[in-house]
Protein backbone atom coordinates (compact mmCIF):
# COMPACT_ATOMS: atom_id res chain seq x y z
CA MET A 1 102.31 118.52 112.82
CA GLN A 2 100.42 117.32 110.53
CA VAL A 3 101.18 114.08 109.65
CA ALA A 4 99.68 111.99 106.41
CA LEU A 5 99.00 108.22 105.20
CA VAL A 6 99.70 107.42 101.52
CA THR A 7 98.80 104.04 100.11
CA GLY A 8 100.76 102.66 97.16
CA ALA A 9 103.70 104.22 98.18
CA SER A 10 105.95 102.01 96.37
CA SER A 11 106.47 103.60 93.31
CA GLY A 12 105.35 106.01 90.64
CA ILE A 13 102.65 108.28 92.43
CA GLY A 14 102.41 107.15 95.76
CA GLU A 15 106.19 107.26 95.97
CA ALA A 16 106.96 110.83 94.80
CA THR A 17 103.90 112.02 96.68
CA VAL A 18 105.51 110.94 100.03
CA ARG A 19 108.52 113.02 98.92
CA ALA A 20 106.54 115.83 98.37
CA LEU A 21 104.43 115.71 101.85
CA LEU A 22 108.27 115.21 103.36
CA GLY A 23 109.02 118.24 102.25
CA ALA A 24 106.16 120.23 102.79
CA GLY A 25 107.03 119.47 106.90
CA TYR A 26 104.40 116.54 107.14
CA THR A 27 105.29 113.12 108.88
CA VAL A 28 104.22 110.71 106.26
CA TYR A 29 103.06 107.04 106.70
CA ALA A 30 104.53 105.63 103.47
CA ALA A 31 102.34 102.08 103.16
CA ALA A 32 102.44 99.55 100.38
CA ARG A 33 102.69 95.48 100.48
CA ARG A 34 106.08 96.24 99.23
CA VAL A 35 107.54 97.23 102.11
CA GLU A 36 111.53 96.46 100.87
CA ARG A 37 110.91 99.31 97.80
CA MET A 38 110.11 101.85 100.66
CA GLU A 39 114.05 102.17 101.62
CA ALA A 40 114.88 104.83 100.21
CA LEU A 41 111.68 106.61 101.69
CA ALA A 42 112.83 105.89 104.91
CA HIS A 43 116.08 107.21 104.56
CA ASP A 44 113.79 110.64 103.31
CA GLY A 45 112.15 110.66 107.06
CA ALA A 46 109.00 108.51 105.89
CA ARG A 47 107.67 106.15 108.08
CA LEU A 48 106.94 102.74 106.35
CA LEU A 49 103.91 100.64 106.61
CA SER A 50 103.31 97.13 105.12
CA LEU A 51 99.90 97.34 104.04
CA ASP A 52 97.58 95.17 101.87
CA VAL A 53 94.19 97.31 101.12
CA THR A 54 92.66 94.00 100.42
CA ASP A 55 92.95 92.91 103.94
CA ASP A 56 91.36 94.01 106.72
CA ALA A 57 93.11 93.47 109.64
CA SER A 58 95.76 94.80 107.76
CA LEU A 59 94.25 98.19 106.87
CA THR A 60 92.98 98.07 111.08
CA ASP A 61 96.48 97.63 112.07
CA ALA A 62 97.97 100.24 110.42
CA VAL A 63 95.88 102.73 111.43
CA ARG A 64 96.50 101.65 114.93
CA LYS A 65 99.80 102.54 114.41
CA VAL A 66 99.62 105.31 113.43
CA LEU A 67 96.81 106.46 115.57
CA GLY A 68 99.44 105.25 118.18
CA GLU A 69 102.15 106.83 117.21
CA THR A 70 101.01 110.26 116.20
CA GLY A 71 97.29 110.47 117.74
CA ARG A 72 95.95 111.72 114.59
CA ILE A 73 95.89 111.16 110.13
CA ASP A 74 95.41 114.44 108.94
CA VAL A 75 95.60 114.00 105.19
CA LEU A 76 94.62 110.56 103.69
CA VAL A 77 96.18 110.01 100.15
CA ASN A 78 94.46 106.57 98.70
CA ASN A 79 96.32 106.23 95.78
CA ALA A 80 96.54 102.00 95.94
CA GLY A 81 95.46 100.50 92.48
CA TYR A 82 96.20 99.40 89.43
CA GLY A 83 94.37 98.81 85.67
CA SER A 84 93.31 95.67 84.65
CA PHE A 85 92.24 95.14 81.37
CA GLY A 86 91.11 92.45 78.54
CA ALA A 87 87.02 92.33 77.13
CA LEU A 88 84.76 91.70 79.69
CA GLU A 89 83.36 87.83 78.77
CA GLU A 90 87.12 86.97 78.75
CA VAL A 91 88.17 88.46 82.10
CA PRO A 92 87.29 85.90 85.26
CA LEU A 93 85.11 87.26 87.90
CA GLU A 94 87.32 86.21 90.35
CA GLU A 95 89.84 89.24 88.69
CA ALA A 96 87.08 91.32 88.20
CA ARG A 97 86.47 91.24 91.99
CA ARG A 98 89.90 91.86 93.19
CA GLN A 99 90.02 94.71 90.45
CA PHE A 100 87.45 96.35 93.07
CA GLU A 101 88.86 95.03 96.21
CA VAL A 102 91.91 96.95 95.61
CA ASN A 103 90.04 100.17 93.56
CA VAL A 104 87.22 100.76 95.38
CA PHE A 105 86.39 98.66 98.77
CA GLY A 106 90.39 98.93 99.94
CA LEU A 107 90.08 102.86 99.40
CA ALA A 108 86.59 103.02 101.71
CA ARG A 109 87.73 100.63 104.44
CA LEU A 110 90.74 102.83 104.85
CA THR A 111 88.63 105.70 104.63
CA GLN A 112 85.94 104.22 107.13
CA LEU A 113 89.27 103.77 109.99
CA VAL A 114 90.33 107.09 109.42
CA LEU A 115 86.98 109.13 109.40
CA PRO A 116 85.96 109.22 113.28
CA GLY A 117 89.01 110.83 114.00
CA MET A 118 88.96 113.35 111.31
CA ARG A 119 85.22 113.77 112.20
CA GLU A 120 85.74 114.49 115.90
CA ARG A 121 88.81 117.23 115.19
CA ARG A 122 86.35 118.79 112.84
CA SER A 123 89.09 118.51 110.30
CA GLY A 124 91.39 116.64 107.91
CA THR A 125 91.27 115.89 103.95
CA ILE A 126 90.86 112.71 102.36
CA VAL A 127 91.94 112.64 98.89
CA ASN A 128 91.18 109.64 96.62
CA VAL A 129 93.75 109.41 93.32
CA SER A 130 91.08 108.20 90.65
CA SER A 131 91.69 108.52 86.78
CA MET A 132 91.06 110.18 83.53
CA GLY A 133 89.48 106.99 82.92
CA GLY A 134 86.78 108.19 85.75
CA GLN A 135 85.23 110.29 83.49
CA PHE A 136 86.13 108.33 80.14
CA TYR A 137 86.09 104.88 78.37
CA GLU A 138 88.17 102.71 76.52
CA PRO A 139 87.91 99.39 74.89
CA LEU A 140 88.40 96.46 76.63
CA GLY A 141 88.69 98.40 80.12
CA SER A 142 85.37 97.92 81.27
CA TRP A 143 86.22 96.14 84.80
CA TYR A 144 89.14 99.09 85.21
CA HIS A 145 86.97 101.77 83.84
CA ALA A 146 83.97 100.47 86.68
CA THR A 147 86.11 101.00 89.29
CA LYS A 148 87.14 104.45 89.13
CA PHE A 149 83.60 105.44 87.76
CA ALA A 150 83.03 103.96 91.48
CA VAL A 151 85.37 106.09 92.94
CA GLU A 152 84.08 109.30 90.98
CA GLY A 153 80.98 108.26 92.50
CA LEU A 154 81.69 107.71 95.92
CA SER A 155 84.05 110.86 96.82
CA ASP A 156 81.70 112.95 95.13
CA SER A 157 78.54 111.67 97.75
CA LEU A 158 81.69 111.95 100.51
CA ARG A 159 82.46 115.23 100.19
CA ILE A 160 78.67 116.58 100.31
CA GLU A 161 78.46 113.68 103.08
CA LEU A 162 81.72 115.24 105.67
CA ARG A 163 81.31 118.93 104.82
CA PRO A 164 79.23 119.22 107.85
CA PHE A 165 82.35 117.57 109.67
CA GLY A 166 84.66 119.60 108.47
CA VAL A 167 86.25 116.61 106.35
CA ARG A 168 87.44 117.66 103.05
CA VAL A 169 87.38 115.02 99.84
CA VAL A 170 89.15 115.27 96.52
CA VAL A 171 89.89 113.51 93.48
CA ILE A 172 92.86 113.44 91.49
CA GLN A 173 92.15 112.34 88.11
CA PRO A 174 95.47 111.79 86.61
CA GLY A 175 96.16 111.57 82.76
CA ALA A 176 98.98 109.25 81.02
CA ILE A 177 101.82 109.53 84.08
CA ARG A 178 105.17 107.48 83.78
CA SER A 179 104.96 104.25 86.15
CA GLU A 180 104.27 100.74 86.20
CA TRP A 181 100.65 101.22 85.31
CA SER A 182 100.93 100.94 81.60
CA SER A 183 102.94 97.39 81.56
CA ILE A 184 100.66 95.64 84.30
CA ALA A 185 97.91 96.77 82.14
CA ARG A 186 98.88 95.99 78.72
CA THR A 187 100.21 92.72 80.07
CA SER A 188 97.05 91.68 81.64
CA LEU A 189 95.26 93.21 78.44
CA LEU A 190 97.43 90.77 75.93
CA GLU A 191 97.18 87.23 78.70
CA VAL A 192 93.47 87.78 78.57
CA SER A 193 92.58 88.85 75.47
CA GLY A 194 96.04 88.47 73.32
CA HIS A 195 94.68 85.35 71.49
CA GLY A 196 90.53 84.46 70.09
CA PRO A 197 87.71 86.91 69.20
CA TYR A 198 88.79 90.15 70.80
CA ALA A 199 93.37 89.64 69.71
CA LYS A 200 93.04 92.15 67.26
CA GLY A 201 91.39 94.82 68.95
CA ALA A 202 94.03 93.97 72.25
CA ARG A 203 96.73 94.23 70.04
CA ARG A 204 95.63 98.15 69.00
CA VAL A 205 94.72 99.05 72.80
CA ALA A 206 98.05 98.19 73.84
CA SER A 207 100.01 99.64 71.21
CA VAL A 208 98.09 102.83 71.90
CA MET A 209 98.57 102.81 75.86
CA LYS A 210 102.46 101.76 74.86
CA THR A 211 102.55 104.93 73.11
CA ALA A 212 100.97 107.20 75.38
CA TYR A 213 103.06 105.87 77.91
CA MET A 214 106.46 107.17 76.39
CA PRO A 215 109.12 108.88 77.29
CA GLY A 216 108.06 112.29 76.06
CA MET A 217 104.82 111.28 75.98
CA ALA A 218 103.83 110.66 79.47
CA SER A 219 104.07 113.55 82.40
CA PRO A 220 106.02 112.17 85.36
CA PRO A 221 104.67 111.20 88.49
CA GLU A 222 105.46 114.35 90.43
CA ALA A 223 103.16 116.28 88.17
CA VAL A 224 100.27 114.40 90.22
CA ALA A 225 102.47 114.96 93.64
CA GLY A 226 101.91 118.78 92.91
CA ALA A 227 98.29 118.63 92.75
CA ILE A 228 98.14 116.31 95.62
CA LEU A 229 100.08 118.57 97.83
CA GLN A 230 98.16 121.34 96.90
CA ALA A 231 94.98 119.68 97.77
CA ALA A 232 96.23 118.80 101.00
CA THR A 233 97.57 122.49 102.03
CA SER A 234 94.62 124.10 101.06
CA HIS A 235 91.82 125.62 102.57
CA ARG A 236 89.53 125.33 99.82
CA PRO A 237 90.38 122.53 97.32
CA HIS A 238 89.45 121.86 94.06
CA ALA A 239 86.27 119.09 94.32
CA ARG A 240 88.99 117.39 91.21
CA TYR A 241 92.61 117.93 89.96
CA ARG A 242 92.91 117.38 86.91
CA VAL A 243 96.75 116.21 85.87
CA GLY A 244 98.91 114.88 83.49
CA ALA A 245 99.49 114.27 79.41
CA GLY A 246 95.78 114.21 78.18
CA ALA A 247 93.52 114.76 81.11
CA ARG A 248 92.54 118.41 80.81
CA PRO A 249 91.57 117.69 76.74
CA LEU A 250 90.00 114.52 76.85
CA LEU A 251 87.89 115.42 79.95
CA ALA A 252 86.83 118.72 78.72
CA LEU A 253 85.27 116.93 74.85
CA ARG A 254 83.53 113.88 76.83
CA LYS A 255 82.07 117.02 78.46
CA VAL A 256 80.93 119.07 75.95
CA LEU A 257 80.54 116.33 73.45
CA PRO A 258 77.50 113.46 73.02
CA ASP A 259 77.78 110.13 73.18
CA ARG A 260 77.89 109.29 69.65
CA LEU A 261 80.36 111.91 68.73
CA PHE A 262 82.49 110.96 71.86
CA ASP A 263 82.61 107.53 71.01
CA GLY A 264 83.45 108.09 67.26
CA ILE A 265 87.01 109.65 68.58
CA VAL A 266 87.35 107.05 70.94
CA ARG A 267 86.94 104.23 67.87
CA ALA A 268 89.34 106.31 66.13
CA ILE A 269 92.14 106.38 68.59
CA TYR A 270 91.55 102.75 69.26
CA ARG A 271 90.91 101.75 65.27
CA HIS A 272 88.30 100.13 66.90
């Protein structure tokens, strides 16, 4: 029986991924801070874990529990993360550090903890949920995009590093997905930069975000879960899966256009 551990499983992409893996016959550990929100997943057969990716003891205990019960972790889905927006000048460094703790260092530490078993078995898949924002940028999103650019670089290095041990590393780049992400990002943006010198730009960025994540515009989290399942079950997964509204066209443009032209597109979108 293949064993999967999914972080950020209490909603959105994480919740959908747990269900997709359960449907494929995996033993799935669903991990999140808000365990009470995962009761439906428990009814579906998931095993619940209380997990705070910023707490080393919590990470260590979670991995110890999974290994103690099953003896293995075959698939790690590093999905936990959030978007904190605001002008770099105005975002407190404490919040910037928390953004890195959740989106980068928590991911890296959990990967450290599961790697010994994967390396010894010479098999396993690590799926890091990044974002289309890991390869492009937005005004007033510097700290969020910095974390996702970091995840991309970390994953690329790790993919080569672990190849001799039979461990695969995959990056998922979701576009606009129906989830709590947008409302959290908009709230932080307006709280931090909704007043003062960046207020006009903050309102514009928040408006674009709201429109992009409206029903009918954003893709369902199940679309991302399907890509994660494909990556987890493939013997030769792609290095990256671009999935969801906007991801493929925007990243294709980013790849071929020079910075000056792509800057113009970003400015036009956000009227900045």
